[in-house]
Amino acid sequence: MIDKNRNSGLLSLNRRTALQGLAASAGLMAAPGFVRYSQAQSSAPIKIGFQAHRTGIGAAYGRWYEKTTAAALKLINEAGGINGRPVEIITEDDGTDPKRGAEVVGKFASQHKTDIVFGTLFSHVVIGSAPTAGELKMPYYVVSEGHHVASTKMNRYCFQPGITDVKSQVISMAPWIAANVGKKITMIYPDFAFGHDHRDYFTPAIAAQGGEVIAQIPIPPTESSFTRYFPQIPAETEVIYHVMVGPAVLTFVKELGEFYGSNRPQLFGFIDSLEAVDVASPGLEFLEGSHFWEGMPRYLQPDASDAVKAYRNAVGIDENGAAVGDPKDVSTSAHMFGCWETLYVVKQAMEGAGYKGPEDRGKLVEATEALTEFKEGPEHPQGDKTFNGKIHQCFGHQNISVVEGGKLKVVHRTSIEDGLYEPEGDYTTQAL
């Protein structure tokens, strides 16, 4: 990926090199893969601005989002790019900060002159950046999970086509939780927009299954010690529903184990509480038998498709979800697939729009809104998805995994229909 700040290497096709090679040997025109770029020899690359969380509380995610994006970019360019043009990624660090995020979006538009902006995860950064994207009429493809895009409270230029949102996730899993884990639930969640989505949508979802959230415990996402919060958990709690984020997630789960010892309630967590953390880390033995949500399984499952295996190989993760050659470098597997799939959605939409440049951004928005489904395969290894163009949100499968022998094993996979809900608005009624 191009990094204007660090002078990192160019992963997209180097235009000057391509032209020199063309002049040197007309025979290259017949080489596999080269002819697909023939149109691009007089065209500038398509520029995608990657709003990355390199620093701040989202840094662990940001690093793996970059790795996944680089892997997808490589394959897209090897296959001819988009509309016969190479694709270039320009990366800026937003510090996982909403004010800086908005500034980064502006910089992509005014300085880097990117065609779109892509890749934002943390919900407060998306919410802080989206107005700028709308004002600049900059298509903004986020990989966030928050319900903010699907709520239709953003603007017509904001999309989340490669990963499902929290509302869909909790609606689809609530019946399984009530039937298999427990019904008297205490929620522990980060006190910002993402955590509020869990609070606001899981509470009614479990109530619809005869369950009840008996306590809600919000914790600042920058908190570094958690023991003082645990006495707030009611004694009658059957299930602790936890979803934490940030650099102190390992501390959170360790302190939870120390607080309860072997006599704990049932646990249902979002893997966010353990993303980039080895489940087999010392002090986490108490998690054995507990359950987690995973967007895409961290551990290679016995029934994994060829597309899943190819994706994992391209990104560079082993059967345990760690970097190949470094078992301590654990990925954010449950989320990062969204970068891969979103880039392929952008490719599909740009080709559908016949996208040539910024003057076609309106066409790109309409082409994205016209998409309806994504079939499981190399471009969408996590699974089939549907897309609702009115709310700019995809719907897909969720995985529920159990900790067994220090690893995560998928025990339930929801259907797409399990997570559908009525749209709350319609972006397509807004002017471009």
Protein backbone atom coordinates (compact mmCIF):
# COMPACT_ATOMS: atom_id res chain seq x y z
CA MET A 1 0.00 0.00 0.00
CA ILE A 2 1.20 3.53 -0.60
CA ASP A 3 1.89 5.37 2.63
CA LYS A 4 2.53 9.03 2.00
CA ASN A 5 3.85 9.42 5.52
CA ARG A 6 6.26 6.49 5.60
CA ASN A 7 7.22 6.13 1.95
CA SER A 8 6.21 2.48 2.00
CA GLY A 9 6.42 0.44 -1.16
CA LEU A 10 4.02 0.60 -4.04
CA LEU A 11 1.84 -2.51 -4.22
CA SER A 12 -0.10 -1.48 -7.29
CA LEU A 13 1.26 -1.68 -10.82
CA ASN A 14 3.98 0.92 -11.41
CA ARG A 15 2.82 2.84 -14.46
CA ARG A 16 6.25 4.01 -15.60
CA THR A 17 7.66 0.49 -15.38
CA ALA A 18 4.71 -0.84 -17.34
CA LEU A 19 5.22 1.70 -20.13
CA GLN A 20 8.95 0.98 -20.33
CA GLY A 21 8.26 -2.72 -20.52
CA LEU A 22 5.70 -2.16 -23.25
CA ALA A 23 8.16 -0.19 -25.33
CA ALA A 24 10.91 -2.74 -24.78
CA SER A 25 8.96 -5.71 -25.96
CA ALA A 26 5.76 -5.76 -27.91
CA GLY A 27 5.68 -9.46 -27.18
CA LEU A 28 4.60 -8.67 -23.64
CA MET A 29 1.24 -7.65 -24.99
CA ALA A 30 0.46 -11.32 -25.40
CA ALA A 31 1.65 -12.32 -21.94
CA PRO A 32 -0.97 -13.63 -19.52
CA GLY A 33 -2.42 -10.83 -17.44
CA PHE A 34 -0.73 -8.03 -19.38
CA VAL A 35 -3.42 -7.52 -21.99
CA ARG A 36 -5.93 -6.86 -19.25
CA TYR A 37 -4.04 -3.67 -18.41
CA SER A 38 -3.84 -2.47 -22.02
CA GLN A 39 -6.44 0.23 -21.43
CA ALA A 40 -4.64 1.37 -18.29
CA GLN A 41 -1.39 2.33 -20.02
CA SER A 42 -2.78 5.82 -20.69
CA SER A 43 -4.89 6.00 -17.54
CA ALA A 44 -4.08 6.95 -13.96
CA PRO A 45 -4.62 4.26 -11.33
CA ILE A 46 -7.82 4.18 -9.33
CA LYS A 47 -6.92 5.62 -5.94
CA ILE A 48 -8.50 4.28 -2.77
CA GLY A 49 -7.91 6.16 0.45
CA PHE A 50 -7.51 3.76 3.35
CA GLN A 51 -8.50 5.38 6.66
CA ALA A 52 -6.48 3.16 8.98
CA HIS A 53 -6.34 2.83 12.75
CA ARG A 54 -2.55 2.62 13.00
CA THR A 55 -2.50 4.18 16.45
CA GLY A 56 -4.99 4.59 19.27
CA ILE A 57 -7.31 1.94 20.71
CA GLY A 58 -7.95 0.39 17.29
CA ALA A 59 -4.29 -0.24 16.39
CA ALA A 60 -4.45 -4.05 16.68
CA TYR A 61 -7.34 -4.10 14.22
CA GLY A 62 -5.75 -1.50 11.98
CA ARG A 63 -2.61 -3.55 11.42
CA TRP A 64 -4.56 -6.60 10.31
CA TYR A 65 -6.98 -4.50 8.26
CA GLU A 66 -3.92 -3.27 6.37
CA LYS A 67 -2.59 -6.80 5.83
CA THR A 68 -5.95 -8.01 4.54
CA THR A 69 -6.37 -5.01 2.28
CA ALA A 70 -2.88 -5.50 0.81
CA ALA A 71 -3.63 -9.16 0.09
CA ALA A 72 -6.91 -8.35 -1.69
CA LEU A 73 -5.28 -5.50 -3.62
CA LYS A 74 -2.57 -7.83 -4.89
CA LEU A 75 -5.09 -10.29 -6.29
CA ILE A 76 -7.29 -7.58 -7.78
CA ASN A 77 -4.35 -6.05 -9.62
CA GLU A 78 -3.05 -9.43 -10.76
CA ALA A 79 -6.48 -10.04 -12.31
CA GLY A 80 -6.44 -6.75 -14.22
CA GLY A 81 -7.45 -4.17 -11.64
CA ILE A 82 -10.77 -2.36 -11.95
CA ASN A 83 -12.10 -1.41 -15.36
CA GLY A 84 -8.71 -2.29 -16.82
CA ARG A 85 -6.89 0.12 -14.51
CA PRO A 86 -4.52 -0.69 -11.66
CA VAL A 87 -5.63 0.10 -8.13
CA GLU A 88 -3.53 2.06 -5.67
CA ILE A 89 -4.08 2.22 -1.89
CA ILE A 90 -3.05 5.40 -0.08
CA THR A 91 -3.01 5.02 3.70
CA GLU A 92 -3.48 7.66 6.39
CA ASP A 93 -3.59 7.04 10.14
CA ASP A 94 -6.66 8.45 11.86
CA GLY A 95 -5.42 7.59 15.35
CA THR A 96 -8.79 5.91 16.02
CA ASP A 97 -9.97 9.46 16.69
CA PRO A 98 -13.16 10.97 15.23
CA LYS A 99 -11.80 14.51 14.77
CA ARG A 100 -8.67 13.25 13.10
CA GLY A 101 -10.79 10.86 11.06
CA ALA A 102 -12.73 13.74 9.55
CA GLU A 103 -9.46 15.50 8.77
CA VAL A 104 -8.14 12.37 7.05
CA VAL A 105 -11.23 12.15 4.83
CA GLY A 106 -10.67 15.78 3.86
CA LYS A 107 -7.02 15.11 3.13
CA PHE A 108 -7.90 12.20 0.85
CA ALA A 109 -10.17 14.49 -1.14
CA SER A 110 -8.02 17.62 -1.33
CA GLN A 111 -4.43 16.37 -1.23
CA HIS A 112 -4.39 12.75 -2.38
CA LYS A 113 -7.44 13.16 -4.65
CA THR A 114 -8.62 9.60 -4.07
CA ASP A 115 -11.65 8.20 -5.82
CA ILE A 116 -13.17 6.82 -2.60
CA VAL A 117 -12.36 6.35 1.09
CA PHE A 118 -12.44 2.91 2.66
CA GLY A 119 -11.75 0.73 5.68
CA THR A 120 -12.83 2.58 8.84
CA LEU A 121 -13.69 0.34 11.81
CA PHE A 122 -14.38 2.04 15.13
CA SER A 123 -17.90 3.42 15.22
CA HIS A 124 -17.13 6.78 16.84
CA VAL A 125 -14.60 7.43 14.07
CA VAL A 126 -17.14 6.53 11.38
CA ILE A 127 -19.73 8.81 12.96
CA GLY A 128 -17.19 11.63 13.20
CA SER A 129 -15.95 11.19 9.63
CA ALA A 130 -19.17 10.52 7.72
CA PRO A 131 -20.41 14.13 7.62
CA THR A 132 -17.19 15.22 5.91
CA ALA A 133 -17.53 12.42 3.36
CA GLY A 134 -21.07 13.55 2.64
CA GLU A 135 -20.13 17.22 2.31
CA LEU A 136 -17.32 16.33 -0.10
CA LYS A 137 -19.48 13.81 -1.98
CA MET A 138 -16.81 11.22 -1.32
CA PRO A 139 -18.02 7.58 -1.39
CA TYR A 140 -17.16 6.18 2.04
CA TYR A 141 -17.06 2.39 2.41
CA VAL A 142 -16.67 1.43 6.07
CA VAL A 143 -15.89 -1.94 7.70
CA SER A 144 -17.29 -1.16 11.10
CA GLU A 145 -20.16 -3.41 12.32
CA GLY A 146 -21.90 -0.50 14.04
CA HIS A 147 -25.53 0.16 13.20
CA HIS A 148 -24.85 3.80 12.32
CA VAL A 149 -24.84 3.30 8.53
CA ALA A 150 -27.87 1.00 8.48
CA SER A 151 -29.78 3.39 10.78
CA THR A 152 -29.84 5.80 7.79
CA LYS A 153 -28.56 8.56 10.09
CA MET A 154 -25.39 9.03 8.06
CA ASN A 155 -25.67 10.18 4.43
CA ARG A 156 -26.02 8.77 0.96
CA TYR A 157 -22.27 8.50 0.44
CA CYS A 158 -21.73 6.06 3.35
CA PHE A 159 -21.86 2.28 2.81
CA GLN A 160 -21.21 -0.89 4.81
CA PRO A 161 -21.41 -3.68 2.22
CA GLY A 162 -18.78 -6.14 3.50
CA ILE A 163 -19.64 -6.82 7.14
CA THR A 164 -22.92 -7.12 9.04
CA ASP A 165 -24.07 -4.67 11.70
CA VAL A 166 -24.58 -5.23 15.44
CA LYS A 167 -28.36 -5.04 15.25
CA SER A 168 -28.49 -7.90 12.76
CA GLN A 169 -25.89 -9.89 14.70
CA VAL A 170 -27.67 -9.79 18.05
CA ILE A 171 -31.14 -10.37 16.59
CA SER A 172 -29.92 -13.51 14.85
CA MET A 173 -28.13 -14.95 17.90
CA ALA A 174 -30.57 -14.09 20.71
CA PRO A 175 -32.73 -17.22 20.20
CA TRP A 176 -29.68 -19.50 20.49
CA ILE A 177 -28.38 -17.68 23.58
CA ALA A 178 -31.75 -17.93 25.34
CA ALA A 179 -32.12 -21.61 24.50
CA ASN A 180 -28.55 -22.74 25.22
CA VAL A 181 -26.79 -20.34 27.59
CA GLY A 182 -29.29 -18.60 29.88
CA LYS A 183 -31.96 -15.91 30.17
CA LYS A 184 -30.92 -13.65 33.08
CA ILE A 185 -28.18 -11.59 31.54
CA THR A 186 -25.74 -8.91 32.67
CA MET A 187 -24.19 -6.91 29.86
CA ILE A 188 -20.66 -5.47 30.02
CA TYR A 189 -19.86 -3.23 27.07
CA PRO A 190 -17.68 -0.26 26.01
CA ASP A 191 -19.24 3.11 26.67
CA PHE A 192 -19.32 4.50 23.15
CA ALA A 193 -21.45 4.05 20.04
CA PHE A 194 -20.48 0.44 19.31
CA GLY A 195 -21.26 -0.66 22.87
CA HIS A 196 -24.46 1.33 22.86
CA ASP A 197 -25.59 -0.62 19.78
CA HIS A 198 -25.21 -3.83 21.78
CA ARG A 199 -27.10 -2.33 24.71
CA ASP A 200 -29.90 -0.93 22.57
CA TYR A 201 -30.47 -3.93 20.29
CA PHE A 202 -29.56 -6.99 22.34
CA THR A 203 -31.82 -5.96 25.24
CA PRO A 204 -35.07 -6.13 23.22
CA ALA A 205 -33.81 -9.08 21.17
CA ILE A 206 -33.32 -11.27 24.25
CA ALA A 207 -36.60 -10.03 25.76
CA ALA A 208 -38.38 -11.29 22.65
CA GLN A 209 -37.00 -14.76 23.52
CA GLY A 210 -38.27 -14.65 27.11
CA GLY A 211 -34.96 -13.45 28.52
CA GLU A 212 -34.05 -10.32 30.46
CA VAL A 213 -31.06 -8.03 30.77
CA ILE A 214 -30.94 -7.53 34.54
CA ALA A 215 -27.90 -5.22 34.58
CA GLN A 216 -25.95 -3.05 32.14
CA ILE A 217 -22.37 -2.10 32.95
CA PRO A 218 -20.75 0.40 30.57
CA ILE A 219 -16.97 0.74 30.76
CA PRO A 220 -14.83 3.47 29.13
CA PRO A 221 -13.01 1.94 26.13
CA THR A 222 -9.70 3.34 27.38
CA GLU A 223 -10.01 1.67 30.80
CA SER A 224 -6.97 -0.32 31.87
CA SER A 225 -8.29 -2.16 34.95
CA PHE A 226 -11.74 -3.68 35.39
CA THR A 227 -11.99 -5.41 38.77
CA ARG A 228 -13.85 -2.50 40.36
CA TYR A 229 -16.74 -2.97 37.92
CA PHE A 230 -17.39 -6.65 38.60
CA PRO A 231 -19.12 -6.26 42.00
CA GLN A 232 -21.95 -4.56 40.04
CA ILE A 233 -22.86 -7.93 38.48
CA PRO A 234 -26.03 -9.20 40.24
CA ALA A 235 -25.73 -12.53 42.05
CA GLU A 236 -28.69 -13.97 40.11
CA THR A 237 -26.90 -13.45 36.77
CA GLU A 238 -27.00 -16.58 34.62
CA VAL A 239 -25.02 -15.17 31.70
CA ILE A 240 -22.41 -12.44 31.43
CA TYR A 241 -22.62 -10.95 27.95
CA HIS A 242 -19.34 -9.16 27.33
CA VAL A 243 -17.98 -7.16 24.44
CA MET A 244 -14.85 -5.12 25.09
CA VAL A 245 -12.40 -3.41 22.76
CA GLY A 246 -9.00 -1.77 22.93
CA PRO A 247 -5.49 -2.65 24.11
CA ALA A 248 -6.63 -3.86 27.57
CA VAL A 249 -8.91 -6.70 26.43
CA LEU A 250 -6.54 -9.36 27.76
CA THR A 251 -6.55 -7.65 31.14
CA PHE A 252 -10.35 -7.57 31.09
CA VAL A 253 -10.80 -11.30 30.56
CA LYS A 254 -8.01 -12.21 33.00
CA GLU A 255 -9.47 -10.04 35.76
CA LEU A 256 -12.93 -11.46 35.10
CA GLY A 257 -11.50 -14.94 35.64
CA GLU A 258 -9.68 -13.90 38.79
CA PHE A 259 -12.85 -12.35 40.18
CA TYR A 260 -14.97 -15.48 39.75
CA GLY A 261 -12.49 -18.32 39.87
CA SER A 262 -14.14 -21.62 38.98
CA ASN A 263 -17.59 -20.52 40.17
CA ARG A 264 -18.60 -18.20 37.35
CA PRO A 265 -21.88 -17.61 35.49
CA GLN A 266 -22.09 -18.71 31.88
CA LEU A 267 -20.20 -16.44 29.51
CA PHE A 268 -21.23 -15.24 26.08
CA GLY A 269 -18.79 -12.82 24.54
CA PHE A 270 -18.19 -11.09 21.28
CA ILE A 271 -14.71 -12.08 20.13
CA ASP A 272 -13.90 -8.36 20.20
CA SER A 273 -13.04 -9.09 23.85
CA LEU A 274 -10.25 -11.38 22.59
CA GLU A 275 -9.36 -10.14 19.10
CA ALA A 276 -5.58 -10.30 18.56
CA VAL A 277 -5.29 -12.31 21.81
CA ASP A 278 -4.37 -16.01 21.98
CA VAL A 279 -7.27 -17.91 23.57
CA ALA A 280 -4.69 -20.29 25.07
CA SER A 281 -2.90 -17.47 26.93
CA PRO A 282 -2.06 -18.19 30.58
CA GLY A 283 -4.85 -17.01 32.84
CA LEU A 284 -7.62 -17.64 30.32
CA GLU A 285 -8.27 -21.26 31.25
CA PHE A 286 -11.56 -20.21 32.87
CA LEU A 287 -12.94 -19.48 29.39
CA GLU A 288 -13.14 -23.20 28.61
CA GLY A 289 -16.74 -24.00 27.71
CA SER A 290 -17.74 -20.37 27.16
CA HIS A 291 -19.16 -19.07 23.89
CA PHE A 292 -18.20 -16.29 21.52
CA TRP A 293 -19.59 -14.57 18.45
CA GLU A 294 -17.27 -14.64 15.46
CA GLY A 295 -17.88 -12.96 12.13
CA MET A 296 -15.38 -15.29 10.48
CA PRO A 297 -13.85 -18.14 12.50
CA ARG A 298 -10.32 -17.54 13.77
CA TYR A 299 -9.40 -21.22 13.75
CA LEU A 300 -9.57 -23.16 10.50
CA GLN A 301 -12.71 -25.29 10.78
CA PRO A 302 -12.88 -28.89 9.48
CA ASP A 303 -15.52 -27.95 6.90
CA ALA A 304 -13.74 -24.83 5.62
CA SER A 305 -14.33 -24.16 1.93
CA ASP A 306 -11.58 -23.84 -0.65
CA ALA A 307 -12.38 -20.10 -0.79
CA VAL A 308 -11.77 -19.76 2.95
CA LYS A 309 -8.47 -21.63 2.68
CA ALA A 310 -7.35 -19.49 -0.26
CA TYR A 311 -8.27 -16.31 1.60
CA ARG A 312 -6.36 -17.34 4.71
CA ASN A 313 -3.34 -18.28 2.63
CA ALA A 314 -3.40 -14.95 0.80
CA VAL A 315 -3.66 -12.93 4.02
CA GLY A 316 -1.01 -15.09 5.69
CA ILE A 317 -2.71 -16.68 8.69
CA ASP A 318 -2.18 -20.24 9.90
CA GLU A 319 -4.76 -22.79 11.09
CA ASN A 320 -4.87 -21.07 14.50
CA GLY A 321 -5.52 -17.63 13.02
CA ALA A 322 -2.03 -16.29 13.77
CA ALA A 323 0.48 -14.86 11.31
CA VAL A 324 2.30 -17.58 9.40
CA GLY A 325 5.64 -17.99 11.11
CA ASP A 326 4.69 -16.03 14.23
CA PRO A 327 2.16 -17.81 16.47
CA LYS A 328 2.14 -14.86 18.89
CA ASP A 329 0.86 -12.46 16.23
CA VAL A 330 -2.85 -13.32 16.45
CA SER A 331 -5.14 -11.86 13.82
CA THR A 332 -8.43 -9.99 14.10
CA SER A 333 -10.00 -12.67 11.95
CA ALA A 334 -13.61 -12.06 12.98
CA HIS A 335 -13.55 -8.58 11.44
CA MET A 336 -10.76 -8.15 8.90
CA PHE A 337 -12.41 -10.27 6.19
CA GLY A 338 -14.70 -7.26 5.76
CA CYS A 339 -11.85 -5.32 4.13
CA TRP A 340 -11.32 -8.08 1.58
CA GLU A 341 -15.01 -8.38 0.76
CA THR A 342 -15.60 -4.62 0.68
CA LEU A 343 -12.83 -4.09 -1.87
CA TYR A 344 -14.47 -6.65 -4.11
CA VAL A 345 -17.82 -4.89 -3.69
CA VAL A 346 -16.16 -1.63 -4.73
CA LYS A 347 -14.71 -3.39 -7.76
CA GLN A 348 -18.13 -4.80 -8.69
CA ALA A 349 -19.84 -1.43 -8.27
CA MET A 350 -17.19 0.52 -10.19
CA GLU A 351 -17.38 -1.90 -13.07
CA GLY A 352 -21.17 -1.76 -13.00
CA ALA A 353 -21.03 2.04 -13.10
CA GLY A 354 -18.38 2.17 -15.81
CA TYR A 355 -16.46 4.33 -13.36
CA LYS A 356 -13.82 6.58 -14.94
CA GLY A 357 -13.08 9.18 -12.29
CA PRO A 358 -14.44 11.47 -9.57
CA GLU A 359 -17.04 12.87 -11.96
CA ASP A 360 -18.67 9.41 -11.80
CA ARG A 361 -19.00 9.24 -8.02
CA GLY A 362 -22.75 9.71 -8.24
CA LYS A 363 -22.95 6.79 -10.66
CA LEU A 364 -20.84 4.73 -8.26
CA VAL A 365 -23.24 5.44 -5.40
CA GLU A 366 -26.21 4.38 -7.53
CA ALA A 367 -24.41 1.28 -8.79
CA THR A 368 -23.62 0.23 -5.23
CA GLU A 369 -27.24 0.78 -4.20
CA ALA A 370 -28.34 -1.44 -7.10
CA LEU A 371 -26.43 -4.46 -5.76
CA THR A 372 -28.59 -7.10 -4.08
CA GLU A 373 -26.48 -10.13 -3.21
CA PHE A 374 -22.94 -11.49 -2.97
CA LYS A 375 -22.35 -15.19 -3.47
CA GLU A 376 -19.94 -17.12 -1.28
CA GLY A 377 -16.66 -17.70 -3.08
CA PRO A 378 -13.15 -16.29 -3.50
CA GLU A 379 -14.41 -12.69 -3.37
CA HIS A 380 -16.73 -13.33 -0.42
CA PRO A 381 -15.17 -16.18 1.56
CA GLN A 382 -17.08 -15.46 4.78
CA GLY A 383 -20.33 -16.56 3.14
CA ASP A 384 -23.33 -15.49 1.09
CA LYS A 385 -24.74 -12.05 1.77
CA THR A 386 -27.68 -9.95 0.72
CA PHE A 387 -27.46 -6.19 0.36
CA ASN A 388 -30.18 -3.64 1.02
CA GLY A 389 -29.43 -0.63 -1.14
CA LYS A 390 -31.92 1.55 0.72
CA ILE A 391 -29.95 1.34 3.98
CA HIS A 392 -26.51 0.63 2.45
CA GLN A 393 -26.03 -2.47 4.62
CA CYS A 394 -25.30 -6.13 3.94
CA PHE A 395 -26.76 -9.10 5.84
CA GLY A 396 -24.95 -12.38 6.32
CA HIS A 397 -24.23 -15.34 8.56
CA GLN A 398 -22.99 -15.22 12.17
CA ASN A 399 -20.92 -17.90 13.90
CA ILE A 400 -21.21 -18.95 17.53
CA SER A 401 -18.12 -20.77 18.77
CA VAL A 402 -17.27 -22.60 22.00
CA VAL A 403 -13.85 -22.60 23.67
CA GLU A 404 -12.76 -26.21 23.60
CA GLY A 405 -9.23 -27.28 24.44
CA GLY A 406 -8.05 -23.69 24.25
CA LYS A 407 -9.41 -23.22 20.74
CA LEU A 408 -12.62 -21.91 19.21
CA LYS A 409 -14.96 -24.42 17.57
CA VAL A 410 -18.03 -23.28 15.64
CA VAL A 411 -21.17 -24.86 17.10
CA HIS A 412 -23.87 -22.76 15.41
CA ARG A 413 -24.16 -20.70 12.25
CA THR A 414 -27.15 -18.43 11.76
CA SER A 415 -29.02 -17.98 8.52
CA ILE A 416 -29.19 -14.65 6.72
CA GLU A 417 -32.92 -14.54 7.43
CA ASP A 418 -32.27 -14.77 11.18
CA GLY A 419 -30.75 -11.30 11.15
CA LEU A 420 -33.10 -9.36 8.89
CA TYR A 421 -35.02 -6.36 10.21
CA GLU A 422 -37.26 -3.63 8.81
CA PRO A 423 -35.38 -0.68 7.29
CA GLU A 424 -35.44 2.50 9.36
CA GLY A 425 -35.14 4.82 6.37
CA ASP A 426 -34.10 5.10 2.73
CA TYR A 427 -30.86 6.72 1.61
CA THR A 428 -31.93 6.57 -2.04
CA THR A 429 -34.42 9.38 -1.42
CA GLN A 430 -31.53 11.75 -0.63
CA ALA A 431 -30.05 13.93 -3.34
CA LEU A 432 -26.64 13.03 -4.67
